[in-house]
Amino acid sequence: MRVQQGAVVDLDAALALNAARLGVDHKLPLADSIVYATARAVGGVVRTQDEDFDGLPDVQYFPKRHGSRLRLRSFCEAAARVKHANAPLPSMSEQV
């Protein structure tokens, strides 16, 4: 996957109306509909972990991995315990 440098796009009346239509059609929140309309207007693809975009054309949706948040919390708790014990920090792979 290659991500290219972005560009600033003006939110003019035509883009705002298109965003409103897409928001109603796909039940998207306002900010999401603006992102989606802008990407479509410039021939781009939305790459996201936001479930609101799942299944839409020109979107690459990547579901969030909820387990990674638990591993991070476990790592942080272990790091806090280790810090108080004055020992070296464990690696993330040791917490899986």
PDB file of N, CA and C in Angstrom:
ATOM      1  N   MET A   1       0.854  -1.156   0.000  1.00  0.00           N
ATOM      2  CA  MET A   1       0.000   0.000   0.000  1.00  0.00           C
ATOM      3  C   MET A   1       0.909   1.231   0.000  1.00  0.00           C
ATOM      4  N   ARG A   2       0.699   2.109  -0.934  1.00  0.00           N
ATOM      5  CA  ARG A   2       1.490   3.320  -1.031  1.00  0.00           C
ATOM      6  C   ARG A   2       0.600   4.520  -0.754  1.00  0.00           C
ATOM      7  N   VAL A   3       0.999   5.325   0.199  1.00  0.00           N
ATOM      8  CA  VAL A   3       0.256   6.528   0.535  1.00  0.00           C
ATOM      9  C   VAL A   3       0.987   7.709  -0.071  1.00  0.00           C
ATOM     10  N   GLN A   4       0.265   8.510  -0.837  1.00  0.00           N
ATOM     11  CA  GLN A   4       0.871   9.662  -1.491  1.00  0.00           C
ATOM     12  C   GLN A   4       0.644  10.910  -0.664  1.00  0.00           C
ATOM     13  N   GLN A   5       1.463  11.916  -0.939  1.00  0.00           N
ATOM     14  CA  GLN A   5       1.329  13.187  -0.241  1.00  0.00           C
ATOM     15  C   GLN A   5      -0.042  13.784  -0.527  1.00  0.00           C
ATOM     16  N   GLY A   6      -0.642  14.386   0.469  1.00  0.00           N
ATOM     17  CA  GLY A   6      -1.980  14.937   0.328  1.00  0.00           C
ATOM     18  C   GLY A   6      -1.995  16.328  -0.259  1.00  0.00           C
ATOM     19  N   ALA A   7      -3.194  16.815  -0.479  1.00  0.00           N
ATOM     20  CA  ALA A   7      -3.405  18.163  -0.995  1.00  0.00           C
ATOM     21  C   ALA A   7      -4.580  18.776  -0.247  1.00  0.00           C
ATOM     22  N   VAL A   8      -4.613  20.090  -0.180  1.00  0.00           N
ATOM     23  CA  VAL A   8      -5.727  20.798   0.439  1.00  0.00           C
ATOM     24  C   VAL A   8      -6.808  20.992  -0.611  1.00  0.00           C
ATOM     25  N   VAL A   9      -8.033  20.638  -0.255  1.00  0.00           N
ATOM     26  CA  VAL A   9      -9.168  20.772  -1.163  1.00  0.00           C
ATOM     27  C   VAL A   9     -10.187  21.695  -0.505  1.00  0.00           C
ATOM     28  N   ASP A  10     -10.608  22.718  -1.229  1.00  0.00           N
ATOM     29  CA  ASP A  10     -11.608  23.646  -0.695  1.00  0.00           C
ATOM     30  C   ASP A  10     -12.958  22.951  -0.564  1.00  0.00           C
ATOM     31  N   LEU A  11     -13.630  23.218   0.525  1.00  0.00           N
ATOM     32  CA  LEU A  11     -14.989  22.711   0.723  1.00  0.00           C
ATOM     33  C   LEU A  11     -15.945  23.751   0.154  1.00  0.00           C
ATOM     34  N   ASP A  12     -16.179  23.630  -1.149  1.00  0.00           N
ATOM     35  CA  ASP A  12     -17.087  24.577  -1.808  1.00  0.00           C
ATOM     36  C   ASP A  12     -18.522  24.054  -1.725  1.00  0.00           C
ATOM     37  N   ALA A  13     -19.449  24.809  -2.290  1.00  0.00           N
ATOM     38  CA  ALA A  13     -20.870  24.451  -2.208  1.00  0.00           C
ATOM     39  C   ALA A  13     -21.162  23.107  -2.873  1.00  0.00           C
ATOM     40  N   ALA A  14     -20.556  22.853  -4.018  1.00  0.00           N
ATOM     41  CA  ALA A  14     -20.800  21.591  -4.729  1.00  0.00           C
ATOM     42  C   ALA A  14     -20.318  20.396  -3.904  1.00  0.00           C
ATOM     43  N   LEU A  15     -19.130  20.515  -3.316  1.00  0.00           N
ATOM     44  CA  LEU A  15     -18.605  19.421  -2.501  1.00  0.00           C
ATOM     45  C   LEU A  15     -19.449  19.239  -1.235  1.00  0.00           C
ATOM     46  N   ALA A  16     -19.881  20.332  -0.626  1.00  0.00           N
ATOM     47  CA  ALA A  16     -20.715  20.256   0.576  1.00  0.00           C
ATOM     48  C   ALA A  16     -22.058  19.587   0.278  1.00  0.00           C
ATOM     49  N   LEU A  17     -22.668  19.919  -0.865  1.00  0.00           N
ATOM     50  CA  LEU A  17     -23.937  19.283  -1.238  1.00  0.00           C
ATOM     51  C   LEU A  17     -23.748  17.798  -1.531  1.00  0.00           C
ATOM     52  N   ASN A  18     -22.650  17.462  -2.194  1.00  0.00           N
ATOM     53  CA  ASN A  18     -22.362  16.057  -2.461  1.00  0.00           C
ATOM     54  C   ASN A  18     -22.125  15.303  -1.154  1.00  0.00           C
ATOM     55  N   ALA A  19     -21.412  15.932  -0.211  1.00  0.00           N
ATOM     56  CA  ALA A  19     -21.181  15.314   1.094  1.00  0.00           C
ATOM     57  C   ALA A  19     -22.498  15.088   1.833  1.00  0.00           C
ATOM     58  N   ALA A  20     -23.391  16.071   1.755  1.00  0.00           N
ATOM     59  CA  ALA A  20     -24.695  15.930   2.407  1.00  0.00           C
ATOM     60  C   ALA A  20     -25.487  14.768   1.808  1.00  0.00           C
ATOM     61  N   ARG A  21     -25.457  14.658   0.468  1.00  0.00           N
ATOM     62  CA  ARG A  21     -26.170  13.554  -0.199  1.00  0.00           C
ATOM     63  C   ARG A  21     -25.582  12.205   0.200  1.00  0.00           C
ATOM     64  N   LEU A  22     -24.244  12.109   0.186  1.00  0.00           N
ATOM     65  CA  LEU A  22     -23.592  10.853   0.566  1.00  0.00           C
ATOM     66  C   LEU A  22     -23.853  10.523   2.037  1.00  0.00           C
ATOM     67  N   GLY A  23     -23.885  11.553   2.880  1.00  0.00           N
ATOM     68  CA  GLY A  23     -24.165  11.335   4.299  1.00  0.00           C
ATOM     69  C   GLY A  23     -25.546  10.748   4.526  1.00  0.00           C
ATOM     70  N   VAL A  24     -26.527  11.277   3.801  1.00  0.00           N
ATOM     71  CA  VAL A  24     -27.895  10.759   3.925  1.00  0.00           C
ATOM     72  C   VAL A  24     -27.990   9.357   3.326  1.00  0.00           C
ATOM     73  N   ASP A  25     -27.435   9.181   2.130  1.00  0.00           N
ATOM     74  CA  ASP A  25     -27.509   7.884   1.447  1.00  0.00           C
ATOM     75  C   ASP A  25     -26.855   6.755   2.230  1.00  0.00           C
ATOM     76  N   HIS A  26     -25.725   7.058   2.880  1.00  0.00           N
ATOM     77  CA  HIS A  26     -24.953   6.009   3.550  1.00  0.00           C
ATOM     78  C   HIS A  26     -24.975   6.124   5.071  1.00  0.00           C
ATOM     79  N   LYS A  27     -25.819   7.036   5.590  1.00  0.00           N
ATOM     80  CA  LYS A  27     -25.952   7.240   7.038  1.00  0.00           C
ATOM     81  C   LYS A  27     -24.592   7.523   7.687  1.00  0.00           C
ATOM     82  N   LEU A  28     -23.837   8.440   7.074  1.00  0.00           N
ATOM     83  CA  LEU A  28     -22.526   8.824   7.574  1.00  0.00           C
ATOM     84  C   LEU A  28     -22.627  10.079   8.431  1.00  0.00           C
ATOM     85  N   PRO A  29     -21.854  10.156   9.494  1.00  0.00           N
ATOM     86  CA  PRO A  29     -21.765  11.421  10.240  1.00  0.00           C
ATOM     87  C   PRO A  29     -21.199  12.518   9.330  1.00  0.00           C
ATOM     88  N   LEU A  30     -21.417  13.770   9.687  1.00  0.00           N
ATOM     89  CA  LEU A  30     -21.039  14.902   8.844  1.00  0.00           C
ATOM     90  C   LEU A  30     -19.568  14.876   8.439  1.00  0.00           C
ATOM     91  N   ALA A  31     -18.661  14.753   9.401  1.00  0.00           N
ATOM     92  CA  ALA A  31     -17.227  14.770   9.077  1.00  0.00           C
ATOM     93  C   ALA A  31     -16.864  13.619   8.143  1.00  0.00           C
ATOM     94  N   ASP A  32     -17.424  12.434   8.398  1.00  0.00           N
ATOM     95  CA  ASP A  32     -17.148  11.280   7.536  1.00  0.00           C
ATOM     96  C   ASP A  32     -17.659  11.507   6.122  1.00  0.00           C
ATOM     97  N   SER A  33     -18.832  12.129   6.000  1.00  0.00           N
ATOM     98  CA  SER A  33     -19.385  12.366   4.663  1.00  0.00           C
ATOM     99  C   SER A  33     -18.524  13.366   3.891  1.00  0.00           C
ATOM    100  N   ILE A  34     -17.926  14.327   4.574  1.00  0.00           N
ATOM    101  CA  ILE A  34     -17.037  15.291   3.910  1.00  0.00           C
ATOM    102  C   ILE A  34     -15.756  14.591   3.449  1.00  0.00           C
ATOM    103  N   VAL A  35     -15.201  13.748   4.303  1.00  0.00           N
ATOM    104  CA  VAL A  35     -13.998  12.980   3.926  1.00  0.00           C
ATOM    105  C   VAL A  35     -14.301  12.108   2.713  1.00  0.00           C
ATOM    106  N   TYR A  36     -15.420  11.408   2.760  1.00  0.00           N
ATOM    107  CA  TYR A  36     -15.787  10.487   1.675  1.00  0.00           C
ATOM    108  C   TYR A  36     -16.043  11.242   0.368  1.00  0.00           C
ATOM    109  N   ALA A  37     -16.781  12.328   0.435  1.00  0.00           N
ATOM    110  CA  ALA A  37     -17.082  13.114  -0.767  1.00  0.00           C
ATOM    111  C   ALA A  37     -15.806  13.701  -1.363  1.00  0.00           C
ATOM    112  N   THR A  38     -14.909  14.162  -0.507  1.00  0.00           N
ATOM    113  CA  THR A  38     -13.655  14.739  -0.988  1.00  0.00           C
ATOM    114  C   THR A  38     -12.804  13.682  -1.684  1.00  0.00           C
ATOM    115  N   ALA A  39     -12.684  12.521  -1.078  1.00  0.00           N
ATOM    116  CA  ALA A  39     -11.901  11.446  -1.693  1.00  0.00           C
ATOM    117  C   ALA A  39     -12.476  11.065  -3.054  1.00  0.00           C
ATOM    118  N   ARG A  40     -13.770  10.963  -3.127  1.00  0.00           N
ATOM    119  CA  ARG A  40     -14.397  10.603  -4.412  1.00  0.00           C
ATOM    120  C   ARG A  40     -14.216  11.701  -5.453  1.00  0.00           C
ATOM    121  N   ALA A  41     -14.259  12.958  -5.028  1.00  0.00           N
ATOM    122  CA  ALA A  41     -14.129  14.081  -5.961  1.00  0.00           C
ATOM    123  C   ALA A  41     -12.748  14.133  -6.602  1.00  0.00           C
ATOM    124  N   VAL A  42     -11.723  13.695  -5.870  1.00  0.00           N
ATOM    125  CA  VAL A  42     -10.363  13.742  -6.406  1.00  0.00           C
ATOM    126  C   VAL A  42      -9.887  12.377  -6.901  1.00  0.00           C
ATOM    127  N   GLY A  43     -10.784  11.393  -6.917  1.00  0.00           N
ATOM    128  CA  GLY A  43     -10.428  10.056  -7.387  1.00  0.00           C
ATOM    129  C   GLY A  43      -9.574   9.281  -6.400  1.00  0.00           C
ATOM    130  N   GLY A  44      -9.711   9.603  -5.121  1.00  0.00           N
ATOM    131  CA  GLY A  44      -8.925   8.939  -4.090  1.00  0.00           C
ATOM    132  C   GLY A  44      -9.650   7.777  -3.456  1.00  0.00           C
ATOM    133  N   VAL A  45      -8.956   7.133  -2.548  1.00  0.00           N
ATOM    134  CA  VAL A  45      -9.495   6.010  -1.790  1.00  0.00           C
ATOM    135  C   VAL A  45      -9.385   6.360  -0.315  1.00  0.00           C
ATOM    136  N   VAL A  46     -10.419   6.074   0.450  1.00  0.00           N
ATOM    137  CA  VAL A  46     -10.381   6.276   1.890  1.00  0.00           C
ATOM    138  C   VAL A  46      -9.859   4.985   2.513  1.00  0.00           C
ATOM    139  N   ARG A  47      -8.781   5.101   3.276  1.00  0.00           N
ATOM    140  CA  ARG A  47      -8.241   3.968   4.033  1.00  0.00           C
ATOM    141  C   ARG A  47      -8.514   4.264   5.508  1.00  0.00           C
ATOM    142  N   THR A  48      -9.265   3.382   6.149  1.00  0.00           N
ATOM    143  CA  THR A  48      -9.737   3.720   7.490  1.00  0.00           C
ATOM    144  C   THR A  48     -10.017   2.480   8.329  1.00  0.00           C
ATOM    145  N   GLN A  49     -10.082   2.705   9.641  1.00  0.00           N
ATOM    146  CA  GLN A  49     -10.544   1.691  10.580  1.00  0.00           C
ATOM    147  C   GLN A  49     -11.910   2.079  11.153  1.00  0.00           C
ATOM    148  N   ASP A  50     -12.521   3.105  10.592  1.00  0.00           N
ATOM    149  CA  ASP A  50     -13.824   3.589  11.038  1.00  0.00           C
ATOM    150  C   ASP A  50     -14.921   2.710  10.436  1.00  0.00           C
ATOM    151  N   GLU A  51     -15.688   2.053  11.288  1.00  0.00           N
ATOM    152  CA  GLU A  51     -16.735   1.130  10.840  1.00  0.00           C
ATOM    153  C   GLU A  51     -17.805   1.802   9.989  1.00  0.00           C
ATOM    154  N   ASP A  52     -17.974   3.108  10.117  1.00  0.00           N
ATOM    155  CA  ASP A  52     -18.981   3.818   9.328  1.00  0.00           C
ATOM    156  C   ASP A  52     -18.720   3.683   7.829  1.00  0.00           C
ATOM    157  N   PHE A  53     -17.467   3.477   7.441  1.00  0.00           N
ATOM    158  CA  PHE A  53     -17.097   3.378   6.029  1.00  0.00           C
ATOM    159  C   PHE A  53     -17.137   1.950   5.489  1.00  0.00           C
ATOM    160  N   ASP A  54     -17.300   0.964   6.339  1.00  0.00           N
ATOM    161  CA  ASP A  54     -17.234  -0.438   5.918  1.00  0.00           C
ATOM    162  C   ASP A  54     -18.259  -0.749   4.828  1.00  0.00           C
ATOM    163  N   GLY A  55     -17.781  -1.295   3.721  1.00  0.00           N
ATOM    164  CA  GLY A  55     -18.659  -1.705   2.629  1.00  0.00           C
ATOM    165  C   GLY A  55     -18.915  -0.653   1.572  1.00  0.00           C
ATOM    166  N   LEU A  56     -18.397   0.556   1.746  1.00  0.00           N
ATOM    167  CA  LEU A  56     -18.624   1.612   0.754  1.00  0.00           C
ATOM    168  C   LEU A  56     -17.628   1.484  -0.402  1.00  0.00           C
ATOM    169  N   PRO A  57     -18.063   1.857  -1.614  1.00  0.00           N
ATOM    170  CA  PRO A  57     -17.131   1.857  -2.747  1.00  0.00           C
ATOM    171  C   PRO A  57     -15.986   2.851  -2.509  1.00  0.00           C
ATOM    172  N   ASP A  58     -14.835   2.546  -3.051  1.00  0.00           N
ATOM    173  CA  ASP A  58     -13.649   3.412  -2.937  1.00  0.00           C
ATOM    174  C   ASP A  58     -13.171   3.572  -1.495  1.00  0.00           C
ATOM    175  N   VAL A  59     -13.392   2.538  -0.689  1.00  0.00           N
ATOM    176  CA  VAL A  59     -12.941   2.540   0.703  1.00  0.00           C
ATOM    177  C   VAL A  59     -12.189   1.244   0.968  1.00  0.00           C
ATOM    178  N   GLN A  60     -11.047   1.373   1.619  1.00  0.00           N
ATOM    179  CA  GLN A  60     -10.331   0.204   2.124  1.00  0.00           C
ATOM    180  C   GLN A  60     -10.473   0.232   3.639  1.00  0.00           C
ATOM    181  N   TYR A  61     -11.310  -0.671   4.135  1.00  0.00           N
ATOM    182  CA  TYR A  61     -11.618  -0.722   5.562  1.00  0.00           C
ATOM    183  C   TYR A  61     -10.774  -1.802   6.226  1.00  0.00           C
ATOM    184  N   PHE A  62     -10.131  -1.442   7.323  1.00  0.00           N
ATOM    185  CA  PHE A  62      -9.302  -2.362   8.089  1.00  0.00           C
ATOM    186  C   PHE A  62      -9.869  -2.444   9.501  1.00  0.00           C
ATOM    187  N   PRO A  63     -10.516  -3.570   9.854  1.00  0.00           N
ATOM    188  CA  PRO A  63     -11.089  -3.665  11.204  1.00  0.00           C
ATOM    189  C   PRO A  63     -10.022  -3.497  12.286  1.00  0.00           C
ATOM    190  N   LYS A  64     -10.420  -2.890  13.372  1.00  0.00           N
ATOM    191  CA  LYS A  64      -9.509  -2.717  14.501  1.00  0.00           C
ATOM    192  C   LYS A  64      -9.297  -4.066  15.181  1.00  0.00           C
ATOM    193  N   ARG A  65      -8.096  -4.267  15.670  1.00  0.00           N
ATOM    194  CA  ARG A  65      -7.798  -5.477  16.445  1.00  0.00           C
ATOM    195  C   ARG A  65      -7.915  -5.105  17.919  1.00  0.00           C
ATOM    196  N   HIS A  66      -8.989  -5.558  18.534  1.00  0.00           N
ATOM    197  CA  HIS A  66      -9.244  -5.175  19.924  1.00  0.00           C
ATOM    198  C   HIS A  66      -8.243  -5.803  20.880  1.00  0.00           C
ATOM    199  N   GLY A  67      -7.664  -6.940  20.519  1.00  0.00           N
ATOM    200  CA  GLY A  67      -6.699  -7.600  21.390  1.00  0.00           C
ATOM    201  C   GLY A  67      -5.441  -6.786  21.595  1.00  0.00           C
ATOM    202  N   SER A  68      -5.059  -5.968  20.598  1.00  0.00           N
ATOM    203  CA  SER A  68      -3.827  -5.190  20.721  1.00  0.00           C
ATOM    204  C   SER A  68      -3.938  -4.170  21.852  1.00  0.00           C
ATOM    205  N   ARG A  69      -5.128  -3.656  22.092  1.00  0.00           N
ATOM    206  CA  ARG A  69      -5.318  -2.700  23.185  1.00  0.00           C
ATOM    207  C   ARG A  69      -5.107  -3.398  24.530  1.00  0.00           C
ATOM    208  N   LEU A  70      -5.574  -4.648  24.635  1.00  0.00           N
ATOM    209  CA  LEU A  70      -5.383  -5.387  25.879  1.00  0.00           C
ATOM    210  C   LEU A  70      -3.910  -5.692  26.105  1.00  0.00           C
ATOM    211  N   ARG A  71      -3.192  -6.061  25.037  1.00  0.00           N
ATOM    212  CA  ARG A  71      -1.761  -6.336  25.175  1.00  0.00           C
ATOM    213  C   ARG A  71      -1.017  -5.076  25.606  1.00  0.00           C
ATOM    214  N   LEU A  72      -1.392  -3.930  25.049  1.00  0.00           N
ATOM    215  CA  LEU A  72      -0.731  -2.679  25.407  1.00  0.00           C
ATOM    216  C   LEU A  72      -0.971  -2.349  26.877  1.00  0.00           C
ATOM    217  N   ARG A  73      -2.212  -2.528  27.342  1.00  0.00           N
ATOM    218  CA  ARG A  73      -2.506  -2.254  28.751  1.00  0.00           C
ATOM    219  C   ARG A  73      -1.708  -3.192  29.646  1.00  0.00           C
ATOM    220  N   SER A  74      -1.624  -4.482  29.276  1.00  0.00           N
ATOM    221  CA  SER A  74      -0.842  -5.431  30.058  1.00  0.00           C
ATOM    222  C   SER A  74       0.626  -5.032  30.081  1.00  0.00           C
ATOM    223  N   PHE A  75       1.133  -4.582  28.931  1.00  0.00           N
ATOM    224  CA  PHE A  75       2.524  -4.152  28.852  1.00  0.00           C
ATOM    225  C   PHE A  75       2.760  -2.951  29.770  1.00  0.00           C
ATOM    226  N   CYS A  76       1.852  -1.982  29.738  1.00  0.00           N
ATOM    227  CA  CYS A  76       2.009  -0.783  30.566  1.00  0.00           C
ATOM    228  C   CYS A  76       1.958  -1.135  32.053  1.00  0.00           C
ATOM    229  N   GLU A  77       1.058  -2.044  32.434  1.00  0.00           N
ATOM    230  CA  GLU A  77       0.978  -2.459  33.828  1.00  0.00           C
ATOM    231  C   GLU A  77       2.262  -3.169  34.243  1.00  0.00           C
ATOM    232  N   ALA A  78       2.777  -4.039  33.378  1.00  0.00           N
ATOM    233  CA  ALA A  78       4.026  -4.747  33.673  1.00  0.00           C
ATOM    234  C   ALA A  78       5.184  -3.768  33.757  1.00  0.00           C
ATOM    235  N   ALA A  79       5.197  -2.783  32.872  1.00  0.00           N
ATOM    236  CA  ALA A  79       6.272  -1.789  32.879  1.00  0.00           C
ATOM    237  C   ALA A  79       6.254  -0.986  34.174  1.00  0.00           C
ATOM    238  N   ALA A  80       5.066  -0.652  34.658  1.00  0.00           N
ATOM    239  CA  ALA A  80       4.964   0.095  35.911  1.00  0.00           C
ATOM    240  C   ALA A  80       5.476  -0.735  37.077  1.00  0.00           C
ATOM    241  N   ARG A  81       5.130  -2.019  37.092  1.00  0.00           N
ATOM    242  CA  ARG A  81       5.625  -2.897  38.169  1.00  0.00           C
ATOM    243  C   ARG A  81       7.135  -3.020  38.109  1.00  0.00           C
ATOM    244  N   VAL A  82       7.658  -3.197  36.895  1.00  0.00           N
ATOM    245  CA  VAL A  82       9.098  -3.368  36.720  1.00  0.00           C
ATOM    246  C   VAL A  82       9.838  -2.090  37.097  1.00  0.00           C
ATOM    247  N   LYS A  83       9.280  -0.945  36.744  1.00  0.00           N
ATOM    248  CA  LYS A  83       9.925   0.330  37.049  1.00  0.00           C
ATOM    249  C   LYS A  83      10.118   0.477  38.552  1.00  0.00           C
ATOM    250  N   HIS A  84       9.098   0.079  39.305  1.00  0.00           N
ATOM    251  CA  HIS A  84       9.189   0.177  40.756  1.00  0.00           C
ATOM    252  C   HIS A  84      10.187  -0.829  41.318  1.00  0.00           C
ATOM    253  N   ALA A  85      10.386  -1.935  40.617  1.00  0.00           N
ATOM    254  CA  ALA A  85      11.335  -2.954  41.073  1.00  0.00           C
ATOM    255  C   ALA A  85      12.751  -2.644  40.601  1.00  0.00           C
ATOM    256  N   ASN A  86      12.921  -1.551  39.810  1.00  0.00           N
ATOM    257  CA  ASN A  86      14.228  -1.136  39.303  1.00  0.00           C
ATOM    258  C   ASN A  86      14.863  -2.193  38.400  1.00  0.00           C
ATOM    259  N   ALA A  87      14.053  -2.877  37.607  1.00  0.00           N
ATOM    260  CA  ALA A  87      14.535  -3.907  36.693  1.00  0.00           C
ATOM    261  C   ALA A  87      14.328  -3.428  35.260  1.00  0.00           C
ATOM    262  N   PRO A  88      14.960  -4.089  34.265  1.00  0.00           N
ATOM    263  CA  PRO A  88      14.754  -3.684  32.868  1.00  0.00           C
ATOM    264  C   PRO A  88      13.314  -3.927  32.421  1.00  0.00           C
ATOM    265  N   LEU A  89      12.849  -3.117  31.472  1.00  0.00           N
ATOM    266  CA  LEU A  89      11.493  -3.250  30.944  1.00  0.00           C
ATOM    267  C   LEU A  89      11.370  -4.483  30.064  1.00  0.00           C
ATOM    268  N   PRO A  90      10.229  -5.197  30.106  1.00  0.00           N
ATOM    269  CA  PRO A  90      10.020  -6.336  29.216  1.00  0.00           C
ATOM    270  C   PRO A  90       9.753  -5.851  27.796  1.00  0.00           C
ATOM    271  N   SER A  91       9.980  -6.722  26.829  1.00  0.00           N
ATOM    272  CA  SER A  91       9.646  -6.376  25.453  1.00  0.00           C
ATOM    273  C   SER A  91       8.169  -6.617  25.217  1.00  0.00           C
ATOM    274  N   MET A  92       7.599  -5.971  24.180  1.00  0.00           N
ATOM    275  CA  MET A  92       6.173  -6.159  23.859  1.00  0.00           C
ATOM    276  C   MET A  92       5.887  -7.621  23.547  1.00  0.00           C
ATOM    277  N   SER A  93       6.800  -8.334  22.897  1.00  0.00           N
ATOM    278  CA  SER A  93       6.548  -9.727  22.509  1.00  0.00           C
ATOM    279  C   SER A  93       6.430 -10.631  23.733  1.00  0.00           C
ATOM    280  N   GLU A  94       7.033 -10.250  24.864  1.00  0.00           N
ATOM    281  CA  GLU A  94       6.922 -11.036  26.067  1.00  0.00           C
ATOM    282  C   GLU A  94       5.539 -10.928  26.695  1.00  0.00           C
ATOM    283  N   GLN A  95       4.750  -9.930  26.288  1.00  0.00           N
ATOM    284  CA  GLN A  95       3.443  -9.698  26.881  1.00  0.00           C
ATOM    285  C   GLN A  95       2.311 -10.369  26.134  1.00  0.00           C
ATOM    286  N   VAL A  96       2.591 -11.012  25.006  1.00  0.00           N
ATOM    287  CA  VAL A  96       1.537 -11.611  24.189  1.00  0.00           C
ATOM    288  C   VAL A  96       1.014 -12.860  24.809  1.00  0.00           C
TER     289      VAL A  96
END
